[in-house]
C-alpha atoms as a PDB file:
ATOM      1  CA  UNK A   1       1.252 -22.669   3.343  1.00  0.00           C
ATOM      2  CA  UNK A   2      -2.654 -22.577   3.075  1.00  0.00           C
ATOM      3  CA  UNK A   3      -5.014 -20.204   2.006  1.00  0.00           C
ATOM      4  CA  UNK A   4      -6.684 -17.013   4.008  1.00  0.00           C
ATOM      5  CA  UNK A   5     -10.159 -16.720   3.568  1.00  0.00           C
ATOM      6  CA  UNK A   6     -10.214 -14.266   6.332  1.00  0.00           C
ATOM      7  CA  UNK A   7      -7.607 -12.602   7.955  1.00  0.00           C
ATOM      8  CA  UNK A   8      -9.836 -11.965  11.006  1.00  0.00           C
ATOM      9  CA  UNK A   9      -9.143 -15.887  12.344  1.00  0.00           C
ATOM     10  CA  UNK A  10      -5.826 -16.864  13.616  1.00  0.00           C
ATOM     11  CA  UNK A  11      -6.574 -20.361  13.201  1.00  0.00           C
ATOM     12  CA  UNK A  12      -4.714 -20.538   9.538  1.00  0.00           C
ATOM     13  CA  UNK A  13      -2.088 -17.894  10.422  1.00  0.00           C
ATOM     14  CA  UNK A  14       1.585 -19.574  11.023  1.00  0.00           C
ATOM     15  CA  UNK A  15       3.559 -16.381  11.962  1.00  0.00           C
ATOM     16  CA  UNK A  16       6.443 -16.651   9.366  1.00  0.00           C
ATOM     17  CA  UNK A  17       9.343 -15.869  11.634  1.00  0.00           C
ATOM     18  CA  UNK A  18       9.124 -19.042  12.960  1.00  0.00           C
ATOM     19  CA  UNK A  19       9.136 -20.454   9.911  1.00  0.00           C
ATOM     20  CA  UNK A  20      12.888 -21.802   9.166  1.00  0.00           C
ATOM     21  CA  UNK A  21      12.498 -21.487   5.433  1.00  0.00           C
ATOM     22  CA  UNK A  22      13.938 -17.987   3.303  1.00  0.00           C
ATOM     23  CA  UNK A  23      10.968 -17.234   2.137  1.00  0.00           C
ATOM     24  CA  UNK A  24       6.897 -18.251   3.371  1.00  0.00           C
ATOM     25  CA  UNK A  25       4.403 -17.146   1.229  1.00  0.00           C
ATOM     26  CA  UNK A  26       0.774 -17.545   1.819  1.00  0.00           C
ATOM     27  CA  UNK A  27      -2.437 -16.279  -0.274  1.00  0.00           C
ATOM     28  CA  UNK A  28      -5.572 -13.968   1.228  1.00  0.00           C
ATOM     29  CA  UNK A  29      -8.856 -14.106  -0.556  1.00  0.00           C
ATOM     30  CA  UNK A  30     -12.421 -12.725   1.195  1.00  0.00           C
ATOM     31  CA  UNK A  31     -15.400 -11.262  -0.944  1.00  0.00           C
ATOM     32  CA  UNK A  32     -16.112 -10.309   2.616  1.00  0.00           C
ATOM     33  CA  UNK A  33     -13.815  -8.827   4.662  1.00  0.00           C
ATOM     34  CA  UNK A  34     -15.627  -5.523   5.209  1.00  0.00           C
ATOM     35  CA  UNK A  35     -13.751  -2.954   6.573  1.00  0.00           C
ATOM     36  CA  UNK A  36     -10.539  -4.771   8.004  1.00  0.00           C
ATOM     37  CA  UNK A  37      -7.349  -2.969   9.744  1.00  0.00           C
ATOM     38  CA  UNK A  38      -3.976  -4.728  11.108  1.00  0.00           C
ATOM     39  CA  UNK A  39      -2.846  -2.653  14.217  1.00  0.00           C
ATOM     40  CA  UNK A  40       1.028  -1.234  14.141  1.00  0.00           C
ATOM     41  CA  UNK A  41       3.308  -4.519  13.805  1.00  0.00           C
ATOM     42  CA  UNK A  42       6.437  -5.473  12.701  1.00  0.00           C
ATOM     43  CA  UNK A  43       7.986  -8.728  11.480  1.00  0.00           C
ATOM     44  CA  UNK A  44      11.777  -9.588  11.437  1.00  0.00           C
ATOM     45  CA  UNK A  45      11.234 -10.603   7.975  1.00  0.00           C
ATOM     46  CA  UNK A  46      10.911  -8.216   5.598  1.00  0.00           C
ATOM     47  CA  UNK A  47       7.403  -8.837   3.665  1.00  0.00           C
ATOM     48  CA  UNK A  48       6.008  -8.230   0.111  1.00  0.00           C
ATOM     49  CA  UNK A  49       2.261  -7.752  -0.366  1.00  0.00           C
ATOM     50  CA  UNK A  50       1.294  -8.315  -4.019  1.00  0.00           C
ATOM     51  CA  UNK A  51      -2.871  -6.743  -4.155  1.00  0.00           C
ATOM     52  CA  UNK A  52      -5.042  -8.554  -7.251  1.00  0.00           C
ATOM     53  CA  UNK A  53      -8.268  -6.925  -6.687  1.00  0.00           C
ATOM     54  CA  UNK A  54      -9.197  -4.183  -3.658  1.00  0.00           C
ATOM     55  CA  UNK A  55      -6.675  -1.997  -2.410  1.00  0.00           C
ATOM     56  CA  UNK A  56      -4.307  -1.675   1.405  1.00  0.00           C
ATOM     57  CA  UNK A  57      -3.372   1.507   2.476  1.00  0.00           C
ATOM     58  CA  UNK A  58      -0.166   0.782   4.557  1.00  0.00           C
ATOM     59  CA  UNK A  59       1.412   2.872   7.252  1.00  0.00           C
ATOM     60  CA  UNK A  60       4.707   2.279   7.915  1.00  0.00           C
ATOM     61  CA  UNK A  61       7.293   4.994   9.664  1.00  0.00           C
ATOM     62  CA  UNK A  62       6.877   7.831   8.442  1.00  0.00           C
ATOM     63  CA  UNK A  63       5.060   7.346   5.274  1.00  0.00           C
ATOM     64  CA  UNK A  64       1.326   6.130   3.665  1.00  0.00           C
ATOM     65  CA  UNK A  65       1.712   3.767   1.037  1.00  0.00           C
ATOM     66  CA  UNK A  66      -1.292   3.280  -1.472  1.00  0.00           C
ATOM     67  CA  UNK A  67      -1.427  -0.609  -2.907  1.00  0.00           C
ATOM     68  CA  UNK A  68      -3.967  -0.642  -5.896  1.00  0.00           C
ATOM     69  CA  UNK A  69      -4.714  -4.062  -7.880  1.00  0.00           C
ATOM     70  CA  UNK A  70      -1.161  -5.250 -10.176  1.00  0.00           C
ATOM     71  CA  UNK A  71       0.954  -3.022  -7.491  1.00  0.00           C
ATOM     72  CA  UNK A  72       3.204  -4.939  -4.124  1.00  0.00           C
ATOM     73  CA  UNK A  73       4.306  -3.016  -1.682  1.00  0.00           C
ATOM     74  CA  UNK A  74       7.619  -3.897   0.156  1.00  0.00           C
ATOM     75  CA  UNK A  75       8.097  -3.374   3.995  1.00  0.00           C
ATOM     76  CA  UNK A  76      11.804  -4.427   5.477  1.00  0.00           C
ATOM     77  CA  UNK A  77      12.391  -6.478   8.165  1.00  0.00           C
ATOM     78  CA  UNK A  78      11.735  -4.777  11.714  1.00  0.00           C
ATOM     79  CA  UNK A  79      10.324  -1.413  10.100  1.00  0.00           C
ATOM     80  CA  UNK A  80       6.923  -0.544  12.363  1.00  0.00           C
ATOM     81  CA  UNK A  81       4.060  -0.658  10.331  1.00  0.00           C
ATOM     82  CA  UNK A  82      -0.370  -0.697   9.981  1.00  0.00           C
ATOM     83  CA  UNK A  83      -2.291  -2.210   7.321  1.00  0.00           C
ATOM     84  CA  UNK A  84      -6.352  -1.030   6.088  1.00  0.00           C
ATOM     85  CA  UNK A  85      -8.166  -2.316   3.579  1.00  0.00           C
ATOM     86  CA  UNK A  86     -12.073  -2.065   2.622  1.00  0.00           C
ATOM     87  CA  UNK A  87     -13.800  -4.635   1.201  1.00  0.00           C
ATOM     88  CA  UNK A  88     -13.069  -7.248  -1.306  1.00  0.00           C
ATOM     89  CA  UNK A  89      -9.703  -7.845  -1.294  1.00  0.00           C
ATOM     90  CA  UNK A  90      -7.190 -10.290  -3.519  1.00  0.00           C
ATOM     91  CA  UNK A  91      -3.623 -10.944  -2.956  1.00  0.00           C
ATOM     92  CA  UNK A  92      -0.335 -13.083  -2.095  1.00  0.00           C
ATOM     93  CA  UNK A  93       2.077 -12.331   0.610  1.00  0.00           C
ATOM     94  CA  UNK A  94       5.406 -13.435   1.094  1.00  0.00           C
ATOM     95  CA  UNK A  95       8.453 -13.585   3.712  1.00  0.00           C
ATOM     96  CA  UNK A  96      12.034 -12.630   3.047  1.00  0.00           C
ATOM     97  CA  UNK A  97      14.427 -13.307   5.806  1.00  0.00           C
ATOM     98  CA  UNK A  98      17.782 -11.264   5.906  1.00  0.00           C
ATOM     99  CA  UNK A  99      20.041 -14.071   4.869  1.00  0.00           C
ATOM    100  CA  UNK A 100      17.783 -15.415   2.055  1.00  0.00           C
ATOM    101  CA  UNK A 101      20.546 -14.335   0.075  1.00  0.00           C
ATOM    102  CA  UNK A 102      20.024 -11.326  -2.080  1.00  0.00           C
ATOM    103  CA  UNK A 103      20.179  -7.622  -1.519  1.00  0.00           C
ATOM    104  CA  UNK A 104      16.783  -6.493   0.041  1.00  0.00           C
ATOM    105  CA  UNK A 105      16.320  -3.084  -0.052  1.00  0.00           C
ATOM    106  CA  UNK A 106      16.316  -1.166   3.274  1.00  0.00           C
ATOM    107  CA  UNK A 107      13.283   1.042   2.652  1.00  0.00           C
ATOM    108  CA  UNK A 108       9.581   1.065   2.518  1.00  0.00           C
ATOM    109  CA  UNK A 109       8.178   1.408  -1.402  1.00  0.00           C
ATOM    110  CA  UNK A 110       5.616   0.026  -4.160  1.00  0.00           C
ATOM    111  CA  UNK A 111       6.654  -1.539  -6.592  1.00  0.00           C
ATOM    112  CA  UNK A 112       5.548  -3.169 -10.410  1.00  0.00           C
ATOM    113  CA  UNK A 113       4.606  -6.996 -10.675  1.00  0.00           C
ATOM    114  CA  UNK A 114       5.400  -8.392 -13.271  1.00  0.00           C
ATOM    115  CA  UNK A 115       3.538 -11.477 -14.747  1.00  0.00           C
ATOM    116  CA  UNK A 116       5.999 -13.570 -13.837  1.00  0.00           C
ATOM    117  CA  UNK A 117       7.314 -12.462 -10.616  1.00  0.00           C
ATOM    118  CA  UNK A 118       3.167 -12.574  -9.643  1.00  0.00           C
ATOM    119  CA  UNK A 119       2.695 -15.760 -11.311  1.00  0.00           C
ATOM    120  CA  UNK A 120       5.633 -17.048  -9.355  1.00  0.00           C
ATOM    121  CA  UNK A 121       4.544 -15.996  -6.425  1.00  0.00           C
ATOM    122  CA  UNK A 122       0.845 -17.754  -7.325  1.00  0.00           C
ATOM    123  CA  UNK A 123       2.599 -20.848  -7.724  1.00  0.00           C
ATOM    124  CA  UNK A 124       4.832 -20.810  -4.814  1.00  0.00           C
ATOM    125  CA  UNK A 125       2.133 -19.845  -2.351  1.00  0.00           C
ATOM    126  CA  UNK A 126       0.774 -23.424  -2.703  1.00  0.00           C
ATOM    127  CA  UNK A 127       3.586 -24.277  -1.461  1.00  0.00           C
ATOM    128  CA  UNK A 128       4.069 -26.635   1.827  1.00  0.00           C
ATOM    129  CA  UNK A 129       4.140 -24.750   4.627  1.00  0.00           C
ATOM    130  CA  UNK A 130       7.975 -26.236   5.389  1.00  0.00           C
ATOM    131  CA  UNK A 131       9.078 -26.972   1.606  1.00  0.00           C
ATOM    132  CA  UNK A 132      11.687 -29.378   0.822  1.00  0.00           C
ATOM    133  CA  UNK A 133      15.187 -27.378   0.557  1.00  0.00           C
ATOM    134  CA  UNK A 134      17.378 -28.278  -2.195  1.00  0.00           C
ATOM    135  CA  UNK A 135      14.531 -29.111  -4.947  1.00  0.00           C
ATOM    136  CA  UNK A 136      12.354 -27.999  -7.285  1.00  0.00           C
ATOM    137  CA  UNK A 137      10.341 -26.284  -5.056  1.00  0.00           C
ATOM    138  CA  UNK A 138      13.570 -24.789  -3.871  1.00  0.00           C
ATOM    139  CA  UNK A 139      14.319 -23.775  -7.265  1.00  0.00           C
ATOM    140  CA  UNK A 140      11.053 -21.894  -7.365  1.00  0.00           C
ATOM    141  CA  UNK A 141      11.679 -19.985  -4.729  1.00  0.00           C
ATOM    142  CA  UNK A 142      14.863 -18.578  -5.687  1.00  0.00           C
ATOM    143  CA  UNK A 143      13.601 -17.733  -8.966  1.00  0.00           C
ATOM    144  CA  UNK A 144      11.052 -15.425  -7.010  1.00  0.00           C
ATOM    145  CA  UNK A 145      13.637 -13.907  -4.968  1.00  0.00           C
ATOM    146  CA  UNK A 146      16.112 -12.811  -8.191  1.00  0.00           C
ATOM    147  CA  UNK A 147      12.326 -11.582  -9.429  1.00  0.00           C
ATOM    148  CA  UNK A 148      11.638  -9.900  -6.404  1.00  0.00           C
ATOM    149  CA  UNK A 149      15.476  -8.019  -6.289  1.00  0.00           C
ATOM    150  CA  UNK A 150      15.202  -7.045 -10.523  1.00  0.00           C
ATOM    151  CA  UNK A 151      11.116  -5.145  -9.103  1.00  0.00           C
ATOM    152  CA  UNK A 152      10.741  -2.211 -10.288  1.00  0.00           C
ATOM    153  CA  UNK A 153      10.039   0.201  -7.827  1.00  0.00           C
ATOM    154  CA  UNK A 154       6.748   3.035  -8.361  1.00  0.00           C
ATOM    155  CA  UNK A 155       5.667   6.545  -6.038  1.00  0.00           C
ATOM    156  CA  UNK A 156       2.358   5.237  -4.909  1.00  0.00           C
ATOM    157  CA  UNK A 157       3.133   6.961  -1.081  1.00  0.00           C
ATOM    158  CA  UNK A 158       3.018  10.518   0.493  1.00  0.00           C
ATOM    159  CA  UNK A 159       5.202  10.849   3.188  1.00  0.00           C
ATOM    160  CA  UNK A 160       3.697  11.776   7.082  1.00  0.00           C
ATOM    161  CA  UNK A 161       4.693  14.448   9.319  1.00  0.00           C
ATOM    162  CA  UNK A 162       5.034  12.980  12.844  1.00  0.00           C
ATOM    163  CA  UNK A 163       4.345  16.460  15.131  1.00  0.00           C
ATOM    164  CA  UNK A 164       1.031  15.673  17.233  1.00  0.00           C
ATOM    165  CA  UNK A 165      -0.109  19.012  15.468  1.00  0.00           C
ATOM    166  CA  UNK A 166       0.136  18.229  11.920  1.00  0.00           C
ATOM    167  CA  UNK A 167      -1.601  14.348  12.844  1.00  0.00           C
ATOM    168  CA  UNK A 168      -4.253  15.480  14.450  1.00  0.00           C
ATOM    169  CA  UNK A 169      -5.012  18.039  11.052  1.00  0.00           C
ATOM    170  CA  UNK A 170      -4.758  15.051   8.933  1.00  0.00           C
ATOM    171  CA  UNK A 171      -7.028  12.838  10.961  1.00  0.00           C
ATOM    172  CA  UNK A 172      -9.609  15.393  10.214  1.00  0.00           C
ATOM    173  CA  UNK A 173      -8.899  15.239   6.971  1.00  0.00           C
ATOM    174  CA  UNK A 174      -9.136  11.804   6.269  1.00  0.00           C
ATOM    175  CA  UNK A 175     -12.501  12.152   8.418  1.00  0.00           C
ATOM    176  CA  UNK A 176     -13.498  14.823   6.224  1.00  0.00           C
ATOM    177  CA  UNK A 177     -11.911  14.321   2.523  1.00  0.00           C
ATOM    178  CA  UNK A 178     -14.364  17.231   0.802  1.00  0.00           C
ATOM    179  CA  UNK A 179     -13.665  19.655   3.633  1.00  0.00           C
ATOM    180  CA  UNK A 180     -11.494  21.555   0.981  1.00  0.00           C
ATOM    181  CA  UNK A 181      -9.779  24.295   3.620  1.00  0.00           C
ATOM    182  CA  UNK A 182      -6.812  27.416   3.052  1.00  0.00           C
ATOM    183  CA  UNK A 183      -3.859  26.111   3.803  1.00  0.00           C
ATOM    184  CA  UNK A 184      -5.304  29.391   6.743  1.00  0.00           C
ATOM    185  CA  UNK A 185      -8.036  27.139   7.227  1.00  0.00           C
ATOM    186  CA  UNK A 186      -6.194  24.354   8.040  1.00  0.00           C
ATOM    187  CA  UNK A 187      -4.023  25.837  10.051  1.00  0.00           C
ATOM    188  CA  UNK A 188      -6.372  27.152  12.675  1.00  0.00           C
ATOM    189  CA  UNK A 189      -7.696  23.451  12.871  1.00  0.00           C
ATOM    190  CA  UNK A 190      -3.969  22.552  14.050  1.00  0.00           C
ATOM    191  CA  UNK A 191      -3.807  25.518  16.287  1.00  0.00           C
ATOM    192  CA  UNK A 192      -0.875  27.405  14.280  1.00  0.00           C
ATOM    193  CA  UNK A 193      -0.310  30.348  11.658  1.00  0.00           C
ATOM    194  CA  UNK A 194      -0.331  29.254   8.429  1.00  0.00           C
ATOM    195  CA  UNK A 195       3.493  30.360   7.995  1.00  0.00           C
ATOM    196  CA  UNK A 196       3.825  28.061  10.678  1.00  0.00           C
ATOM    197  CA  UNK A 197       2.231  25.006   9.256  1.00  0.00           C
ATOM    198  CA  UNK A 198       3.513  25.502   5.419  1.00  0.00           C
ATOM    199  CA  UNK A 199       7.083  25.874   6.862  1.00  0.00           C
ATOM    200  CA  UNK A 200       6.639  22.360   9.283  1.00  0.00           C
ATOM    201  CA  UNK A 201       5.102  19.972   7.219  1.00  0.00           C
ATOM    202  CA  UNK A 202       7.678  21.087   4.580  1.00  0.00           C
ATOM    203  CA  UNK A 203      10.311  20.315   6.546  1.00  0.00           C
ATOM    204  CA  UNK A 204       8.512  17.209   7.687  1.00  0.00           C
ATOM    205  CA  UNK A 205       7.788  15.831   4.251  1.00  0.00           C
ATOM    206  CA  UNK A 206       9.990  17.520   2.484  1.00  0.00           C
ATOM    207  CA  UNK A 207       6.511  19.248   0.784  1.00  0.00           C
ATOM    208  CA  UNK A 208       4.955  22.384   0.557  1.00  0.00           C
ATOM    209  CA  UNK A 209       1.532  22.164   1.533  1.00  0.00           C
ATOM    210  CA  UNK A 210      -0.624  22.823  -1.692  1.00  0.00           C
ATOM    211  CA  UNK A 211       1.407  19.514  -3.122  1.00  0.00           C
ATOM    212  CA  UNK A 212       0.903  17.524   0.151  1.00  0.00           C
ATOM    213  CA  UNK A 213      -2.558  17.362   0.225  1.00  0.00           C
ATOM    214  CA  UNK A 214      -2.509  17.173  -3.935  1.00  0.00           C
ATOM    215  CA  UNK A 215      -0.289  14.064  -3.522  1.00  0.00           C
ATOM    216  CA  UNK A 216      -2.942  12.671  -0.088  1.00  0.00           C
ATOM    217  CA  UNK A 217      -5.814  13.146  -2.312  1.00  0.00           C
ATOM    218  CA  UNK A 218      -4.161  10.901  -5.218  1.00  0.00           C
ATOM    219  CA  UNK A 219      -3.185   8.093  -2.530  1.00  0.00           C
ATOM    220  CA  UNK A 220      -7.214   7.867  -1.082  1.00  0.00           C
ATOM    221  CA  UNK A 221      -8.855   8.234  -5.156  1.00  0.00           C
ATOM    222  CA  UNK A 222      -6.774   5.506  -6.180  1.00  0.00           C
ATOM    223  CA  UNK A 223      -7.907   3.155  -3.139  1.00  0.00           C
ATOM    224  CA  UNK A 224     -11.272   4.309  -3.455  1.00  0.00           C
ATOM    225  CA  UNK A 225     -11.482   3.631  -7.025  1.00  0.00           C
ATOM    226  CA  UNK A 226      -9.859   0.256  -6.389  1.00  0.00           C
ATOM    227  CA  UNK A 227     -12.502  -0.238  -4.038  1.00  0.00           C
ATOM    228  CA  UNK A 228     -14.975   0.139  -6.744  1.00  0.00           C
ATOM    229  CA  UNK A 229     -16.078   3.834  -6.302  1.00  0.00           C
ATOM    230  CA  UNK A 230     -16.908   5.859  -9.211  1.00  0.00           C
ATOM    231  CA  UNK A 231     -14.379   8.940 -10.674  1.00  0.00           C
ATOM    232  CA  UNK A 232     -17.872  10.730 -10.414  1.00  0.00           C
ATOM    233  CA  UNK A 233     -18.586   9.218  -6.560  1.00  0.00           C
ATOM    234  CA  UNK A 234     -14.559   9.873  -6.170  1.00  0.00           C
ATOM    235  CA  UNK A 235     -14.430  13.112  -7.311  1.00  0.00           C
ATOM    236  CA  UNK A 236     -17.584  14.150  -4.575  1.00  0.00           C
ATOM    237  CA  UNK A 237     -16.097  12.369  -1.688  1.00  0.00           C
ATOM    238  CA  UNK A 238     -12.817  14.553  -2.080  1.00  0.00           C
ATOM    239  CA  UNK A 239     -14.508  17.804  -2.360  1.00  0.00           C
ATOM    240  CA  UNK A 240     -14.181  18.897  -6.253  1.00  0.00           C
ATOM    241  CA  UNK A 241     -17.194  21.332  -7.700  1.00  0.00           C
ATOM    242  CA  UNK A 242     -16.894  19.158 -11.078  1.00  0.00           C
ATOM    243  CA  UNK A 243     -15.388  15.562 -12.205  1.00  0.00           C
ATOM    244  CA  UNK A 244     -13.365  17.429 -14.975  1.00  0.00           C
ATOM    245  CA  UNK A 245     -11.259  19.093 -12.004  1.00  0.00           C
ATOM    246  CA  UNK A 246     -10.545  16.306 -10.255  1.00  0.00           C
ATOM    247  CA  UNK A 247      -9.113  14.374 -13.650  1.00  0.00           C
ATOM    248  CA  UNK A 248      -7.128  16.686 -14.474  1.00  0.00           C
ATOM    249  CA  UNK A 249      -5.703  16.938 -10.666  1.00  0.00           C
ATOM    250  CA  UNK A 250      -5.625  12.931 -11.413  1.00  0.00           C
ATOM    251  CA  UNK A 251      -3.638  13.237 -14.325  1.00  0.00           C
ATOM    252  CA  UNK A 252      -0.915  16.178 -13.494  1.00  0.00           C
ATOM    253  CA  UNK A 253      -0.280  13.988 -10.665  1.00  0.00           C
ATOM    254  CA  UNK A 254      -0.046  10.976 -12.419  1.00  0.00           C
ATOM    255  CA  UNK A 255       0.002  11.402 -15.904  1.00  0.00           C
ATOM    256  CA  UNK A 256      -3.040   9.396 -16.764  1.00  0.00           C
ATOM    257  CA  UNK A 257      -6.296   9.987 -16.724  1.00  0.00           C
ATOM    258  CA  UNK A 258      -8.021   8.295 -12.965  1.00  0.00           C
ATOM    259  CA  UNK A 259     -10.407   6.398 -16.129  1.00  0.00           C
ATOM    260  CA  UNK A 260      -7.470   4.604 -17.706  1.00  0.00           C
ATOM    261  CA  UNK A 261      -5.417   3.749 -14.455  1.00  0.00           C
ATOM    262  CA  UNK A 262      -7.616   2.071 -13.598  1.00  0.00           C
ATOM    263  CA  UNK A 263      -8.425   0.109 -16.462  1.00  0.00           C
ATOM    264  CA  UNK A 264      -4.930  -0.482 -17.247  1.00  0.00           C
ATOM    265  CA  UNK A 265      -4.710  -2.443 -13.625  1.00  0.00           C
ATOM    266  CA  UNK A 266      -7.902  -4.033 -14.063  1.00  0.00           C
ATOM    267  CA  UNK A 267      -6.757  -5.598 -17.350  1.00  0.00           C
ATOM    268  CA  UNK A 268      -3.374  -6.726 -16.600  1.00  0.00           C
ATOM    269  CA  UNK A 269      -5.232  -8.773 -13.346  1.00  0.00           C
ATOM    270  CA  UNK A 270      -5.204 -11.992 -14.854  1.00  0.00           C
END
């Protein structure tokens, strides 16, 4: 499969659902993607996207996932999803047919990528699109599938409500993430009472508003840090009065400081 160096150019793109192989693997890399977005779409094959450098955000039917370096996102076949990226991006993707011979997860999730899985993706991305079946390349893909089946899930997502009023509120949060309004402030923006907002977001996401907003901020922070922003810049962009207060919030959510979290991600990249 050719290395995709410009995701806006469809010339090198082959629709994976039309390739008669159980797995189709590709690589993508660019220093100049800028802001990039794929509108909501779906594939018959399931999809694994590994990020080596940069970060992706992916919204899939009821959830927003952030994919930092050293992680990947698993998108089941048939699931409608939209993808956004900003700045430099590098990674690998695999499309897996439902009859590939392994048990495939039925739900979207982010997964921790082992060094072996990463190297298998890199090696497999250099195979011809229609690699020969029954030979060495086929055995390589089989090992890739075995490693994929053993991958461990990571909790790098925030559930997204479907109520139109809440979605308008979230759009406002994304447009002005530094706005640190109270529950009642955001309820007024959504055209409802604070009690209604709390009850509605709890019913649609399984979280109280405060916990949901913290998780939402953590996802934004990971995306921006992976894109090269400093901790000071991210803290300011999220409306925190001080860097220590942001670091404390991040540590409570993920059990590690933002600096150490990103250092571990980049250190693990080959």
